[in-house]
Amino acid sequence: RGRLLEVNENILQDPRLLQRKPSTEGYV
């Protein structure tokens, strides 16, 4: 539970970030 501060718009342009670097640049 909490307030959404931001979503990672970078994964929209490069979805592979989600798979290659899930804990860093590929966060949700």
PDB file of all heavy atoms in Angstrom:
ATOM      1  N   ARG A   1       0.856  -1.188   0.000  1.00  0.00           N
ATOM      2  CA  ARG A   1       0.000   0.000   0.000  1.00  0.00           C
ATOM      3  C   ARG A   1       0.889   1.233   0.000  1.00  0.00           C
ATOM      4  O   ARG A   1       1.887   1.277   0.710  1.00  0.00           O
ATOM      5  CB  ARG A   1      -0.869   0.020   1.263  1.00  0.00           C
ATOM      6  CG  ARG A   1      -1.938  -1.042   1.280  1.00  0.00           C
ATOM      7  CD  ARG A   1      -2.637  -1.117   2.632  1.00  0.00           C
ATOM      8  NE  ARG A   1      -2.926   0.156   3.256  1.00  0.00           N
ATOM      9  CZ  ARG A   1      -4.073   0.834   3.112  1.00  0.00           C
ATOM     10  NH1 ARG A   1      -5.021   0.339   2.362  1.00  0.00           N
ATOM     11  NH2 ARG A   1      -4.267   1.976   3.727  1.00  0.00           N
ATOM     12  N   GLY A   2       0.518   2.217  -0.788  1.00  0.00           N
ATOM     13  CA  GLY A   2       1.293   3.446  -0.789  1.00  0.00           C
ATOM     14  C   GLY A   2       0.924   4.342  -1.953  1.00  0.00           C
ATOM     15  O   GLY A   2       0.007   4.063  -2.727  1.00  0.00           O
ATOM     16  N   ARG A   3       1.665   5.411  -2.081  1.00  0.00           N
ATOM     17  CA  ARG A   3       1.442   6.402  -3.123  1.00  0.00           C
ATOM     18  C   ARG A   3       2.414   6.142  -4.271  1.00  0.00           C
ATOM     19  O   ARG A   3       3.606   5.978  -4.054  1.00  0.00           O
ATOM     20  CB  ARG A   3       1.669   7.799  -2.538  1.00  0.00           C
ATOM     21  CG  ARG A   3       1.144   8.900  -3.388  1.00  0.00           C
ATOM     22  CD  ARG A   3       1.028  10.197  -2.631  1.00  0.00           C
ATOM     23  NE  ARG A   3       0.141  10.160  -1.475  1.00  0.00           N
ATOM     24  CZ  ARG A   3      -1.182  10.201  -1.516  1.00  0.00           C
ATOM     25  NH1 ARG A   3      -1.794  10.246  -2.676  1.00  0.00           N
ATOM     26  NH2 ARG A   3      -1.901  10.191  -0.425  1.00  0.00           N
ATOM     27  N   LEU A   4       1.875   6.083  -5.481  1.00  0.00           N
ATOM     28  CA  LEU A   4       2.706   5.865  -6.666  1.00  0.00           C
ATOM     29  C   LEU A   4       3.511   7.129  -6.951  1.00  0.00           C
ATOM     30  O   LEU A   4       2.942   8.193  -7.175  1.00  0.00           O
ATOM     31  CB  LEU A   4       1.819   5.517  -7.867  1.00  0.00           C
ATOM     32  CG  LEU A   4       2.531   5.246  -9.187  1.00  0.00           C
ATOM     33  CD1 LEU A   4       3.436   4.017  -9.081  1.00  0.00           C
ATOM     34  CD2 LEU A   4       1.513   5.056 -10.309  1.00  0.00           C
ATOM     35  N   LEU A   5       4.838   7.023  -6.909  1.00  0.00           N
ATOM     36  CA  LEU A   5       5.684   8.174  -7.188  1.00  0.00           C
ATOM     37  C   LEU A   5       6.025   8.271  -8.665  1.00  0.00           C
ATOM     38  O   LEU A   5       6.025   9.355  -9.241  1.00  0.00           O
ATOM     39  CB  LEU A   5       6.985   8.111  -6.376  1.00  0.00           C
ATOM     40  CG  LEU A   5       6.846   8.174  -4.860  1.00  0.00           C
ATOM     41  CD1 LEU A   5       8.217   8.231  -4.218  1.00  0.00           C
ATOM     42  CD2 LEU A   5       6.008   9.362  -4.430  1.00  0.00           C
ATOM     43  N   GLU A   6       6.358   7.126  -9.259  1.00  0.00           N
ATOM     44  CA  GLU A   6       6.686   7.138 -10.682  1.00  0.00           C
ATOM     45  C   GLU A   6       6.599   5.743 -11.269  1.00  0.00           C
ATOM     46  O   GLU A   6       6.679   4.752 -10.551  1.00  0.00           O
ATOM     47  CB  GLU A   6       8.084   7.712 -10.931  1.00  0.00           C
ATOM     48  CG  GLU A   6       9.223   6.789 -10.555  1.00  0.00           C
ATOM     49  CD  GLU A   6      10.586   7.356 -10.937  1.00  0.00           C
ATOM     50  OE1 GLU A   6      10.956   8.410 -10.413  1.00  0.00           O
ATOM     51  OE2 GLU A   6      11.269   6.708 -11.747  1.00  0.00           O
ATOM     52  N   VAL A   7       6.413   5.719 -12.575  1.00  0.00           N
ATOM     53  CA  VAL A   7       6.494   4.470 -13.323  1.00  0.00           C
ATOM     54  C   VAL A   7       7.689   4.598 -14.256  1.00  0.00           C
ATOM     55  O   VAL A   7       8.102   5.699 -14.609  1.00  0.00           O
ATOM     56  CB  VAL A   7       5.198   4.181 -14.121  1.00  0.00           C
ATOM     57  CG1 VAL A   7       4.036   3.920 -13.183  1.00  0.00           C
ATOM     58  CG2 VAL A   7       4.869   5.289 -15.085  1.00  0.00           C
ATOM     59  N   ASN A   8       8.243   3.479 -14.627  1.00  0.00           N
ATOM     60  CA  ASN A   8       9.434   3.470 -15.473  1.00  0.00           C
ATOM     61  C   ASN A   8       9.021   3.530 -16.942  1.00  0.00           C
ATOM     62  O   ASN A   8       8.688   2.514 -17.540  1.00  0.00           O
ATOM     63  CB  ASN A   8      10.257   2.220 -15.188  1.00  0.00           C
ATOM     64  CG  ASN A   8      11.567   2.204 -15.934  1.00  0.00           C
ATOM     65  OD1 ASN A   8      11.896   3.134 -16.666  1.00  0.00           O
ATOM     66  ND2 ASN A   8      12.321   1.140 -15.751  1.00  0.00           N
ATOM     67  N   GLU A   9       9.062   4.723 -17.513  1.00  0.00           N
ATOM     68  CA  GLU A   9       8.683   4.885 -18.916  1.00  0.00           C
ATOM     69  C   GLU A   9       9.750   4.338 -19.865  1.00  0.00           C
ATOM     70  O   GLU A   9       9.463   4.085 -21.029  1.00  0.00           O
ATOM     71  CB  GLU A   9       8.390   6.352 -19.217  1.00  0.00           C
ATOM     72  CG  GLU A   9       7.166   6.850 -18.466  1.00  0.00           C
ATOM     73  CD  GLU A   9       6.790   8.281 -18.803  1.00  0.00           C
ATOM     74  OE1 GLU A   9       6.912   8.662 -19.989  1.00  0.00           O
ATOM     75  OE2 GLU A   9       6.378   9.003 -17.884  1.00  0.00           O
ATOM     76  N   ASN A  10      10.962   4.120 -19.374  1.00  0.00           N
ATOM     77  CA  ASN A  10      12.035   3.578 -20.223  1.00  0.00           C
ATOM     78  C   ASN A  10      11.720   2.174 -20.730  1.00  0.00           C
ATOM     79  O   ASN A  10      12.134   1.806 -21.823  1.00  0.00           O
ATOM     80  CB  ASN A  10      13.371   3.569 -19.472  1.00  0.00           C
ATOM     81  CG  ASN A  10      13.856   4.958 -19.166  1.00  0.00           C
ATOM     82  OD1 ASN A  10      13.578   5.905 -19.907  1.00  0.00           O
ATOM     83  ND2 ASN A  10      14.566   5.101 -18.065  1.00  0.00           N
ATOM     84  N   ILE A  11      10.968   1.392 -19.936  1.00  0.00           N
ATOM     85  CA  ILE A  11      10.656   0.033 -20.386  1.00  0.00           C
ATOM     86  C   ILE A  11       9.614   0.034 -21.504  1.00  0.00           C
ATOM     87  O   ILE A  11       9.443  -0.970 -22.180  1.00  0.00           O
ATOM     88  CB  ILE A  11      10.226  -0.902 -19.230  1.00  0.00           C
ATOM     89  CG1 ILE A  11       8.963  -0.410 -18.525  1.00  0.00           C
ATOM     90  CG2 ILE A  11      11.368  -1.103 -18.252  1.00  0.00           C
ATOM     91  CD1 ILE A  11       8.418  -1.356 -17.470  1.00  0.00           C
ATOM     92  N   LEU A  12       8.937   1.167 -21.703  1.00  0.00           N
ATOM     93  CA  LEU A  12       8.003   1.264 -22.831  1.00  0.00           C
ATOM     94  C   LEU A  12       8.768   1.327 -24.143  1.00  0.00           C
ATOM     95  O   LEU A  12       8.367   0.731 -25.141  1.00  0.00           O
ATOM     96  CB  LEU A  12       7.100   2.495 -22.693  1.00  0.00           C
ATOM     97  CG  LEU A  12       6.174   2.510 -21.475  1.00  0.00           C
ATOM     98  CD1 LEU A  12       5.435   3.830 -21.391  1.00  0.00           C
ATOM     99  CD2 LEU A  12       5.218   1.344 -21.515  1.00  0.00           C
ATOM    100  N   GLN A  13       9.888   2.064 -24.149  1.00  0.00           N
ATOM    101  CA  GLN A  13      10.716   2.172 -25.352  1.00  0.00           C
ATOM    102  C   GLN A  13      11.591   0.933 -25.554  1.00  0.00           C
ATOM    103  O   GLN A  13      11.830   0.524 -26.675  1.00  0.00           O
ATOM    104  CB  GLN A  13      11.632   3.419 -25.285  1.00  0.00           C
ATOM    105  CG  GLN A  13      10.945   4.712 -25.646  1.00  0.00           C
ATOM    106  CD  GLN A  13      10.061   5.242 -24.527  1.00  0.00           C
ATOM    107  OE1 GLN A  13      10.449   5.234 -23.371  1.00  0.00           O
ATOM    108  NE2 GLN A  13       8.862   5.663 -24.871  1.00  0.00           N
ATOM    109  N   ASP A  14      12.094   0.371 -24.461  1.00  0.00           N
ATOM    110  CA  ASP A  14      12.972  -0.801 -24.544  1.00  0.00           C
ATOM    111  C   ASP A  14      12.498  -1.861 -23.544  1.00  0.00           C
ATOM    112  O   ASP A  14      13.023  -1.945 -22.434  1.00  0.00           O
ATOM    113  CB  ASP A  14      14.423  -0.396 -24.264  1.00  0.00           C
ATOM    114  CG  ASP A  14      15.400  -1.541 -24.466  1.00  0.00           C
ATOM    115  OD1 ASP A  14      14.979  -2.634 -24.917  1.00  0.00           O
ATOM    116  OD2 ASP A  14      16.602  -1.352 -24.173  1.00  0.00           O
ATOM    117  N   PRO A  15      11.501  -2.666 -23.920  1.00  0.00           N
ATOM    118  CA  PRO A  15      10.957  -3.669 -22.995  1.00  0.00           C
ATOM    119  C   PRO A  15      11.991  -4.698 -22.521  1.00  0.00           C
ATOM    120  O   PRO A  15      11.828  -5.301 -21.467  1.00  0.00           O
ATOM    121  CB  PRO A  15       9.854  -4.352 -23.812  1.00  0.00           C
ATOM    122  CG  PRO A  15       9.511  -3.407 -24.888  1.00  0.00           C
ATOM    123  CD  PRO A  15      10.769  -2.638 -25.181  1.00  0.00           C
ATOM    124  N   ARG A  16      13.058  -4.884 -23.284  1.00  0.00           N
ATOM    125  CA  ARG A  16      14.075  -5.865 -22.884  1.00  0.00           C
ATOM    126  C   ARG A  16      14.778  -5.466 -21.593  1.00  0.00           C
ATOM    127  O   ARG A  16      15.354  -6.316 -20.921  1.00  0.00           O
ATOM    128  CB  ARG A  16      15.076  -6.070 -24.010  1.00  0.00           C
ATOM    129  CG  ARG A  16      14.439  -6.778 -25.221  1.00  0.00           C
ATOM    130  CD  ARG A  16      15.370  -6.812 -26.372  1.00  0.00           C
ATOM    131  NE  ARG A  16      15.675  -5.420 -26.717  1.00  0.00           N
ATOM    132  CZ  ARG A  16      16.571  -5.039 -27.595  1.00  0.00           C
ATOM    133  NH1 ARG A  16      17.261  -5.927 -28.245  1.00  0.00           N
ATOM    134  NH2 ARG A  16      16.783  -3.767 -27.851  1.00  0.00           N
ATOM    135  N   LEU A  17      14.737  -4.180 -21.227  1.00  0.00           N
ATOM    136  CA  LEU A  17      15.320  -3.746 -19.945  1.00  0.00           C
ATOM    137  C   LEU A  17      14.698  -4.510 -18.785  1.00  0.00           C
ATOM    138  O   LEU A  17      15.373  -4.838 -17.814  1.00  0.00           O
ATOM    139  CB  LEU A  17      15.087  -2.250 -19.724  1.00  0.00           C
ATOM    140  CG  LEU A  17      16.017  -1.271 -20.397  1.00  0.00           C
ATOM    141  CD1 LEU A  17      15.546   0.157 -20.147  1.00  0.00           C
ATOM    142  CD2 LEU A  17      17.435  -1.455 -19.929  1.00  0.00           C
ATOM    143  N   LEU A  18      13.401  -4.776 -18.896  1.00  0.00           N
ATOM    144  CA  LEU A  18      12.675  -5.505 -17.860  1.00  0.00           C
ATOM    145  C   LEU A  18      13.285  -6.890 -17.643  1.00  0.00           C
ATOM    146  O   LEU A  18      13.324  -7.384 -16.522  1.00  0.00           O
ATOM    147  CB  LEU A  18      11.209  -5.628 -18.286  1.00  0.00           C
ATOM    148  CG  LEU A  18      10.180  -5.988 -17.252  1.00  0.00           C
ATOM    149  CD1 LEU A  18      10.095  -4.933 -16.172  1.00  0.00           C
ATOM    150  CD2 LEU A  18       8.835  -6.145 -17.916  1.00  0.00           C
ATOM    151  N   GLN A  19      13.774  -7.497 -18.701  1.00  0.00           N
ATOM    152  CA  GLN A  19      14.351  -8.837 -18.606  1.00  0.00           C
ATOM    153  C   GLN A  19      15.854  -8.804 -18.339  1.00  0.00           C
ATOM    154  O   GLN A  19      16.366  -9.642 -17.617  1.00  0.00           O
ATOM    155  CB  GLN A  19      14.065  -9.602 -19.899  1.00  0.00           C
ATOM    156  CG  GLN A  19      12.585  -9.855 -20.094  1.00  0.00           C
ATOM    157  CD  GLN A  19      12.249 -10.346 -21.477  1.00  0.00           C
ATOM    158  OE1 GLN A  19      12.697  -9.784 -22.472  1.00  0.00           O
ATOM    159  NE2 GLN A  19      11.445 -11.395 -21.548  1.00  0.00           N
ATOM    160  N   ARG A  20      16.550  -7.849 -18.916  1.00  0.00           N
ATOM    161  CA  ARG A  20      18.006  -7.807 -18.757  1.00  0.00           C
ATOM    162  C   ARG A  20      18.447  -7.230 -17.423  1.00  0.00           C
ATOM    163  O   ARG A  20      19.432  -7.676 -16.848  1.00  0.00           O
ATOM    164  CB  ARG A  20      18.648  -7.002 -19.888  1.00  0.00           C
ATOM    165  CG  ARG A  20      18.659  -7.741 -21.215  1.00  0.00           C
ATOM    166  CD  ARG A  20      19.367  -6.931 -22.245  1.00  0.00           C
ATOM    167  NE  ARG A  20      18.593  -5.676 -22.376  1.00  0.00           N
ATOM    168  CZ  ARG A  20      18.915  -4.660 -23.134  1.00  0.00           C
ATOM    169  NH1 ARG A  20      20.011  -4.685 -23.822  1.00  0.00           N
ATOM    170  NH2 ARG A  20      18.160  -3.595 -23.199  1.00  0.00           N
ATOM    171  N   LYS A  21      17.755  -6.203 -16.955  1.00  0.00           N
ATOM    172  CA  LYS A  21      18.161  -5.522 -15.716  1.00  0.00           C
ATOM    173  C   LYS A  21      16.939  -5.263 -14.833  1.00  0.00           C
ATOM    174  O   LYS A  21      16.582  -4.116 -14.568  1.00  0.00           O
ATOM    175  CB  LYS A  21      18.849  -4.200 -16.055  1.00  0.00           C
ATOM    176  CG  LYS A  21      20.092  -4.362 -16.878  1.00  0.00           C
ATOM    177  CD  LYS A  21      20.708  -3.026 -17.195  1.00  0.00           C
ATOM    178  CE  LYS A  21      21.987  -3.217 -17.989  1.00  0.00           C
ATOM    179  NZ  LYS A  21      22.645  -1.940 -18.233  1.00  0.00           N
ATOM    180  N   PRO A  22      16.279  -6.327 -14.354  1.00  0.00           N
ATOM    181  CA  PRO A  22      15.016  -6.141 -13.626  1.00  0.00           C
ATOM    182  C   PRO A  22      15.148  -5.361 -12.316  1.00  0.00           C
ATOM    183  O   PRO A  22      14.211  -4.691 -11.908  1.00  0.00           O
ATOM    184  CB  PRO A  22      14.525  -7.562 -13.382  1.00  0.00           C
ATOM    185  CG  PRO A  22      15.721  -8.419 -13.499  1.00  0.00           C
ATOM    186  CD  PRO A  22      16.645  -7.732 -14.458  1.00  0.00           C
ATOM    187  N   SER A  23      16.291  -5.442 -11.654  1.00  0.00           N
ATOM    188  CA  SER A  23      16.438  -4.761 -10.355  1.00  0.00           C
ATOM    189  C   SER A  23      16.942  -3.333 -10.470  1.00  0.00           C
ATOM    190  O   SER A  23      16.942  -2.607  -9.486  1.00  0.00           O
ATOM    191  CB  SER A  23      17.400  -5.539  -9.457  1.00  0.00           C
ATOM    192  OG  SER A  23      16.849  -6.788  -9.150  1.00  0.00           O
ATOM    193  N   THR A  24      17.385  -2.944 -11.655  1.00  0.00           N
ATOM    194  CA  THR A  24      17.928  -1.588 -11.797  1.00  0.00           C
ATOM    195  C   THR A  24      17.132  -0.822 -12.849  1.00  0.00           C
ATOM    196  O   THR A  24      16.070  -0.314 -12.566  1.00  0.00           O
ATOM    197  CB  THR A  24      19.432  -1.623 -12.128  1.00  0.00           C
ATOM    198  OG1 THR A  24      19.646  -2.434 -13.288  1.00  0.00           O
ATOM    199  CG2 THR A  24      20.237  -2.201 -10.969  1.00  0.00           C
ATOM    200  N   GLU A  25      17.626  -0.759 -14.056  1.00  0.00           N
ATOM    201  CA  GLU A  25      16.993   0.037 -15.103  1.00  0.00           C
ATOM    202  C   GLU A  25      15.652  -0.537 -15.566  1.00  0.00           C
ATOM    203  O   GLU A  25      14.860   0.166 -16.181  1.00  0.00           O
ATOM    204  CB  GLU A  25      17.936   0.157 -16.300  1.00  0.00           C
ATOM    205  CG  GLU A  25      19.211   0.908 -15.970  1.00  0.00           C
ATOM    206  CD  GLU A  25      20.259   0.733 -17.058  1.00  0.00           C
ATOM    207  OE1 GLU A  25      19.921   0.939 -18.233  1.00  0.00           O
ATOM    208  OE2 GLU A  25      21.399   0.390 -16.710  1.00  0.00           O
ATOM    209  N   GLY A  26      15.375  -1.799 -15.264  1.00  0.00           N
ATOM    210  CA  GLY A  26      14.141  -2.432 -15.701  1.00  0.00           C
ATOM    211  C   GLY A  26      13.075  -2.513 -14.626  1.00  0.00           C
ATOM    212  O   GLY A  26      12.189  -3.356 -14.703  1.00  0.00           O
ATOM    213  N   TYR A  27      13.149  -1.634 -13.622  1.00  0.00           N
ATOM    214  CA  TYR A  27      12.123  -1.653 -12.580  1.00  0.00           C
ATOM    215  C   TYR A  27      10.769  -1.261 -13.174  1.00  0.00           C
ATOM    216  O   TYR A  27      10.687  -0.690 -14.255  1.00  0.00           O
ATOM    217  CB  TYR A  27      12.507  -0.717 -11.427  1.00  0.00           C
ATOM    218  CG  TYR A  27      12.436   0.760 -11.776  1.00  0.00           C
ATOM    219  CD1 TYR A  27      11.302   1.500 -11.477  1.00  0.00           C
ATOM    220  CD2 TYR A  27      13.500   1.404 -12.392  1.00  0.00           C
ATOM    221  CE1 TYR A  27      11.223   2.846 -11.796  1.00  0.00           C
ATOM    222  CE2 TYR A  27      13.432   2.748 -12.713  1.00  0.00           C
ATOM    223  CZ  TYR A  27      12.292   3.471 -12.411  1.00  0.00           C
ATOM    224  OH  TYR A  27      12.224   4.798 -12.739  1.00  0.00           O
ATOM    225  N   VAL A  28       9.695  -1.558 -12.457  1.00  0.00           N
ATOM    226  CA  VAL A  28       8.350  -1.261 -12.946  1.00  0.00           C
ATOM    227  C   VAL A  28       7.845   0.070 -12.405  1.00  0.00           C
ATOM    228  O   VAL A  28       7.349   0.904 -13.156  1.00  0.00           O
ATOM    229  CB  VAL A  28       7.364  -2.396 -12.573  1.00  0.00           C
ATOM    230  CG1 VAL A  28       5.947  -2.050 -12.989  1.00  0.00           C
ATOM    231  CG2 VAL A  28       7.806  -3.707 -13.216  1.00  0.00           C
TER     232      VAL A  28
END
